[in-house]
Amino acid sequence: MLYHAMRGAGFSNLPSEWWHYDFGNQLWAHYGGHPQAHFGPAQLDTIEERWKRQLGDG
């Protein structure tokens, strides 16, 4: 019931955590197929990308 109510209201669900819902952030954009997040870029920040930035490669 919670899943259907939240999805019906426009929230996205994190597949690995049934209780985790997002709206307007990067995960919402990624899992919901939105072109961009309301609160930042729609591209997920991976551990690899963080390492590249720390090393000055990205």
PDB file of N, CA and C in Angstrom:
ATOM      1  N   MET A   1       0.815  -1.190   0.000  1.00  0.00           N
ATOM      2  CA  MET A   1       0.000   0.000   0.000  1.00  0.00           C
ATOM      3  C   MET A   1       0.866   1.264   0.000  1.00  0.00           C
ATOM      4  N   LEU A   2       1.918   1.259   0.841  1.00  0.00           N
ATOM      5  CA  LEU A   2       2.801   2.417   0.920  1.00  0.00           C
ATOM      6  C   LEU A   2       3.459   2.673  -0.433  1.00  0.00           C
ATOM      7  N   TYR A   3       3.973   1.623  -1.057  1.00  0.00           N
ATOM      8  CA  TYR A   3       4.636   1.756  -2.352  1.00  0.00           C
ATOM      9  C   TYR A   3       3.713   2.423  -3.365  1.00  0.00           C
ATOM     10  N   HIS A   4       2.507   1.931  -3.496  1.00  0.00           N
ATOM     11  CA  HIS A   4       1.576   2.470  -4.490  1.00  0.00           C
ATOM     12  C   HIS A   4       1.147   3.897  -4.159  1.00  0.00           C
ATOM     13  N   ALA A   5       0.983   4.205  -2.893  1.00  0.00           N
ATOM     14  CA  ALA A   5       0.614   5.569  -2.491  1.00  0.00           C
ATOM     15  C   ALA A   5       1.742   6.553  -2.804  1.00  0.00           C
ATOM     16  N   MET A   6       2.966   6.178  -2.473  1.00  0.00           N
ATOM     17  CA  MET A   6       4.109   7.062  -2.703  1.00  0.00           C
ATOM     18  C   MET A   6       4.391   7.226  -4.192  1.00  0.00           C
ATOM     19  N   ARG A   7       4.352   6.141  -4.947  1.00  0.00           N
ATOM     20  CA  ARG A   7       4.579   6.220  -6.390  1.00  0.00           C
ATOM     21  C   ARG A   7       3.461   7.034  -7.048  1.00  0.00           C
ATOM     22  N   GLY A   8       2.253   6.873  -6.583  1.00  0.00           N
ATOM     23  CA  GLY A   8       1.134   7.640  -7.116  1.00  0.00           C
ATOM     24  C   GLY A   8       1.262   9.136  -6.861  1.00  0.00           C
ATOM     25  N   ALA A   9       1.982   9.498  -5.796  1.00  0.00           N
ATOM     26  CA  ALA A   9       2.200  10.907  -5.456  1.00  0.00           C
ATOM     27  C   ALA A   9       3.436  11.473  -6.144  1.00  0.00           C
ATOM     28  N   GLY A  10       4.141  10.650  -6.953  1.00  0.00           N
ATOM     29  CA  GLY A  10       5.279  11.138  -7.715  1.00  0.00           C
ATOM     30  C   GLY A  10       6.644  10.837  -7.129  1.00  0.00           C
ATOM     31  N   PHE A  11       6.693  10.103  -6.034  1.00  0.00           N
ATOM     32  CA  PHE A  11       7.970   9.743  -5.429  1.00  0.00           C
ATOM     33  C   PHE A  11       8.589   8.560  -6.175  1.00  0.00           C
ATOM     34  N   SER A  12       9.913   8.441  -6.113  1.00  0.00           N
ATOM     35  CA  SER A  12      10.584   7.254  -6.628  1.00  0.00           C
ATOM     36  C   SER A  12      10.979   6.392  -5.440  1.00  0.00           C
ATOM     37  N   ASN A  13      11.172   5.106  -5.717  1.00  0.00           N
ATOM     38  CA  ASN A  13      11.530   4.159  -4.668  1.00  0.00           C
ATOM     39  C   ASN A  13      12.915   3.616  -4.940  1.00  0.00           C
ATOM     40  N   LEU A  14      13.757   3.562  -3.913  1.00  0.00           N
ATOM     41  CA  LEU A  14      15.068   2.946  -4.032  1.00  0.00           C
ATOM     42  C   LEU A  14      14.852   1.434  -3.994  1.00  0.00           C
ATOM     43  N   PRO A  15      15.149   0.728  -5.103  1.00  0.00           N
ATOM     44  CA  PRO A  15      14.811  -0.700  -5.189  1.00  0.00           C
ATOM     45  C   PRO A  15      15.386  -1.569  -4.070  1.00  0.00           C
ATOM     46  N   SER A  16      16.550  -1.228  -3.553  1.00  0.00           N
ATOM     47  CA  SER A  16      17.162  -2.062  -2.510  1.00  0.00           C
ATOM     48  C   SER A  16      16.622  -1.778  -1.105  1.00  0.00           C
ATOM     49  N   GLU A  17      15.815  -0.728  -0.955  1.00  0.00           N
ATOM     50  CA  GLU A  17      15.254  -0.365   0.352  1.00  0.00           C
ATOM     51  C   GLU A  17      13.787   0.007   0.178  1.00  0.00           C
ATOM     52  N   TRP A  18      12.885  -0.885   0.505  1.00  0.00           N
ATOM     53  CA  TRP A  18      11.459  -0.669   0.257  1.00  0.00           C
ATOM     54  C   TRP A  18      10.920   0.570   0.963  1.00  0.00           C
ATOM     55  N   TRP A  19      11.577   0.986   2.049  1.00  0.00           N
ATOM     56  CA  TRP A  19      11.106   2.123   2.844  1.00  0.00           C
ATOM     57  C   TRP A  19      11.687   3.463   2.387  1.00  0.00           C
ATOM     58  N   HIS A  20      12.582   3.441   1.407  1.00  0.00           N
ATOM     59  CA  HIS A  20      13.304   4.647   0.990  1.00  0.00           C
ATOM     60  C   HIS A  20      12.639   5.266  -0.236  1.00  0.00           C
ATOM     61  N   TYR A  21      12.131   6.484  -0.087  1.00  0.00           N
ATOM     62  CA  TYR A  21      11.484   7.206  -1.185  1.00  0.00           C
ATOM     63  C   TYR A  21      12.150   8.554  -1.376  1.00  0.00           C
ATOM     64  N   ASP A  22      12.201   9.004  -2.619  1.00  0.00           N
ATOM     65  CA  ASP A  22      12.844  10.273  -2.954  1.00  0.00           C
ATOM     66  C   ASP A  22      11.922  11.104  -3.829  1.00  0.00           C
ATOM     67  N   PHE A  23      12.119  12.421  -3.767  1.00  0.00           N
ATOM     68  CA  PHE A  23      11.386  13.316  -4.654  1.00  0.00           C
ATOM     69  C   PHE A  23      12.260  14.529  -4.978  1.00  0.00           C
ATOM     70  N   GLY A  24      12.516  14.717  -6.251  1.00  0.00           N
ATOM     71  CA  GLY A  24      13.218  15.906  -6.703  1.00  0.00           C
ATOM     72  C   GLY A  24      14.728  15.850  -6.645  1.00  0.00           C
ATOM     73  N   ASN A  25      15.303  14.783  -6.094  1.00  0.00           N
ATOM     74  CA  ASN A  25      16.760  14.707  -5.985  1.00  0.00           C
ATOM     75  C   ASN A  25      17.337  13.819  -7.090  1.00  0.00           C
ATOM     76  N   GLN A  26      18.642  13.516  -7.007  1.00  0.00           N
ATOM     77  CA  GLN A  26      19.311  12.745  -8.048  1.00  0.00           C
ATOM     78  C   GLN A  26      18.737  11.341  -8.196  1.00  0.00           C
ATOM     79  N   LEU A  27      18.456  10.681  -7.099  1.00  0.00           N
ATOM     80  CA  LEU A  27      17.890   9.332  -7.201  1.00  0.00           C
ATOM     81  C   LEU A  27      16.501   9.354  -7.821  1.00  0.00           C
ATOM     82  N   TRP A  28      15.704  10.319  -7.480  1.00  0.00           N
ATOM     83  CA  TRP A  28      14.370  10.479  -8.069  1.00  0.00           C
ATOM     84  C   TRP A  28      14.484  10.628  -9.578  1.00  0.00           C
ATOM     85  N   ALA A  29      15.420  11.484 -10.038  1.00  0.00           N
ATOM     86  CA  ALA A  29      15.605  11.691 -11.477  1.00  0.00           C
ATOM     87  C   ALA A  29      16.116  10.428 -12.154  1.00  0.00           C
ATOM     88  N   HIS A  30      17.069   9.756 -11.535  1.00  0.00           N
ATOM     89  CA  HIS A  30      17.655   8.556 -12.124  1.00  0.00           C
ATOM     90  C   HIS A  30      16.625   7.434 -12.247  1.00  0.00           C
ATOM     91  N   TYR A  31      16.005   7.067 -11.142  1.00  0.00           N
ATOM     92  CA  TYR A  31      15.060   5.953 -11.148  1.00  0.00           C
ATOM     93  C   TYR A  31      13.737   6.296 -11.809  1.00  0.00           C
ATOM     94  N   GLY A  32      13.376   7.567 -11.826  1.00  0.00           N
ATOM     95  CA  GLY A  32      12.113   7.972 -12.441  1.00  0.00           C
ATOM     96  C   GLY A  32      12.223   8.322 -13.911  1.00  0.00           C
ATOM     97  N   GLY A  33      13.456   8.326 -14.443  1.00  0.00           N
ATOM     98  CA  GLY A  33      13.654   8.640 -15.853  1.00  0.00           C
ATOM     99  C   GLY A  33      13.442  10.109 -16.179  1.00  0.00           C
ATOM    100  N   HIS A  34      13.622  10.985 -15.205  1.00  0.00           N
ATOM    101  CA  HIS A  34      13.465  12.422 -15.422  1.00  0.00           C
ATOM    102  C   HIS A  34      14.748  12.999 -16.018  1.00  0.00           C
ATOM    103  N   PRO A  35      14.656  14.010 -16.877  1.00  0.00           N
ATOM    104  CA  PRO A  35      15.854  14.563 -17.516  1.00  0.00           C
ATOM    105  C   PRO A  35      16.792  15.280 -16.545  1.00  0.00           C
ATOM    106  N   GLN A  36      16.268  15.754 -15.439  1.00  0.00           N
ATOM    107  CA  GLN A  36      17.116  16.407 -14.439  1.00  0.00           C
ATOM    108  C   GLN A  36      16.417  16.413 -13.090  1.00  0.00           C
ATOM    109  N   ALA A  37      17.221  16.545 -12.065  1.00  0.00           N
ATOM    110  CA  ALA A  37      16.697  16.639 -10.707  1.00  0.00           C
ATOM    111  C   ALA A  37      16.333  18.087 -10.419  1.00  0.00           C
ATOM    112  N   HIS A  38      15.423  18.298  -9.487  1.00  0.00           N
ATOM    113  CA  HIS A  38      15.092  19.652  -9.049  1.00  0.00           C
ATOM    114  C   HIS A  38      16.211  20.212  -8.170  1.00  0.00           C
ATOM    115  N   PHE A  39      16.949  19.316  -7.532  1.00  0.00           N
ATOM    116  CA  PHE A  39      17.953  19.713  -6.545  1.00  0.00           C
ATOM    117  C   PHE A  39      19.356  19.313  -6.954  1.00  0.00           C
ATOM    118  N   GLY A  40      19.701  19.423  -8.219  1.00  0.00           N
ATOM    119  CA  GLY A  40      21.048  19.095  -8.674  1.00  0.00           C
ATOM    120  C   GLY A  40      21.019  18.262  -9.933  1.00  0.00           C
ATOM    121  N   PRO A  41      22.170  17.819 -10.392  1.00  0.00           N
ATOM    122  CA  PRO A  41      22.242  17.048 -11.633  1.00  0.00           C
ATOM    123  C   PRO A  41      21.576  15.684 -11.497  1.00  0.00           C
ATOM    124  N   ALA A  42      21.124  15.144 -12.609  1.00  0.00           N
ATOM    125  CA  ALA A  42      20.436  13.853 -12.610  1.00  0.00           C
ATOM    126  C   ALA A  42      21.388  12.681 -12.794  1.00  0.00           C
ATOM    127  N   GLN A  43      22.667  12.937 -12.831  1.00  0.00           N
ATOM    128  CA  GLN A  43      23.644  11.867 -12.979  1.00  0.00           C
ATOM    129  C   GLN A  43      24.114  11.435 -11.600  1.00  0.00           C
ATOM    130  N   LEU A  44      24.110  10.121 -11.353  1.00  0.00           N
ATOM    131  CA  LEU A  44      24.547   9.624 -10.059  1.00  0.00           C
ATOM    132  C   LEU A  44      26.050   9.814  -9.901  1.00  0.00           C
ATOM    133  N   ASP A  45      26.468  10.174  -8.712  1.00  0.00           N
ATOM    134  CA  ASP A  45      27.878  10.341  -8.399  1.00  0.00           C
ATOM    135  C   ASP A  45      28.405   9.002  -7.895  1.00  0.00           C
ATOM    136  N   THR A  46      29.212   8.322  -8.703  1.00  0.00           N
ATOM    137  CA  THR A  46      29.723   7.010  -8.336  1.00  0.00           C
ATOM    138  C   THR A  46      31.012   7.142  -7.531  1.00  0.00           C
ATOM    139  N   ILE A  47      31.375   6.068  -6.866  1.00  0.00           N
ATOM    140  CA  ILE A  47      32.626   6.046  -6.116  1.00  0.00           C
ATOM    141  C   ILE A  47      33.798   6.276  -7.059  1.00  0.00           C
ATOM    142  N   GLU A  48      33.735   5.685  -8.248  1.00  0.00           N
ATOM    143  CA  GLU A  48      34.802   5.869  -9.230  1.00  0.00           C
ATOM    144  C   GLU A  48      34.963   7.345  -9.611  1.00  0.00           C
ATOM    145  N   GLU A  49      33.848   8.043  -9.821  1.00  0.00           N
ATOM    146  CA  GLU A  49      33.917   9.465 -10.158  1.00  0.00           C
ATOM    147  C   GLU A  49      34.500  10.284  -9.008  1.00  0.00           C
ATOM    148  N   ARG A  50      34.163   9.928  -7.795  1.00  0.00           N
ATOM    149  CA  ARG A  50      34.727  10.630  -6.630  1.00  0.00           C
ATOM    150  C   ARG A  50      36.236  10.434  -6.566  1.00  0.00           C
ATOM    151  N   TRP A  51      36.690   9.200  -6.799  1.00  0.00           N
ATOM    152  CA  TRP A  51      38.127   8.914  -6.785  1.00  0.00           C
ATOM    153  C   TRP A  51      38.841   9.711  -7.852  1.00  0.00           C
ATOM    154  N   LYS A  52      38.250   9.773  -9.045  1.00  0.00           N
ATOM    155  CA  LYS A  52      38.860  10.527 -10.149  1.00  0.00           C
ATOM    156  C   LYS A  52      39.007  11.999  -9.777  1.00  0.00           C
ATOM    157  N   ARG A  53      37.971  12.570  -9.167  1.00  0.00           N
ATOM    158  CA  ARG A  53      38.042  13.970  -8.754  1.00  0.00           C
ATOM    159  C   ARG A  53      39.135  14.174  -7.697  1.00  0.00           C
ATOM    160  N   GLN A  54      39.224  13.260  -6.756  1.00  0.00           N
ATOM    161  CA  GLN A  54      40.223  13.381  -5.700  1.00  0.00           C
ATOM    162  C   GLN A  54      41.638  13.282  -6.271  1.00  0.00           C
ATOM    163  N   LEU A  55      41.795  12.474  -7.312  1.00  0.00           N
ATOM    164  CA  LEU A  55      43.111  12.306  -7.927  1.00  0.00           C
ATOM    165  C   LEU A  55      43.401  13.376  -8.970  1.00  0.00           C
ATOM    166  N   GLY A  56      42.397  14.197  -9.276  1.00  0.00           N
ATOM    167  CA  GLY A  56      42.566  15.258 -10.262  1.00  0.00           C
ATOM    168  C   GLY A  56      42.422  14.785 -11.695  1.00  0.00           C
ATOM    169  N   ASP A  57      41.812  13.592 -11.888  1.00  0.00           N
ATOM    170  CA  ASP A  57      41.636  13.035 -13.226  1.00  0.00           C
ATOM    171  C   ASP A  57      40.263  13.311 -13.801  1.00  0.00           C
ATOM    172  N   GLY A  58      39.386  13.987 -13.103  1.00  0.00           N
ATOM    173  CA  GLY A  58      38.037  14.166 -13.623  1.00  0.00           C
ATOM    174  C   GLY A  58      37.391  15.411 -13.165  1.00  0.00           C
TER     175      GLY A  58
END
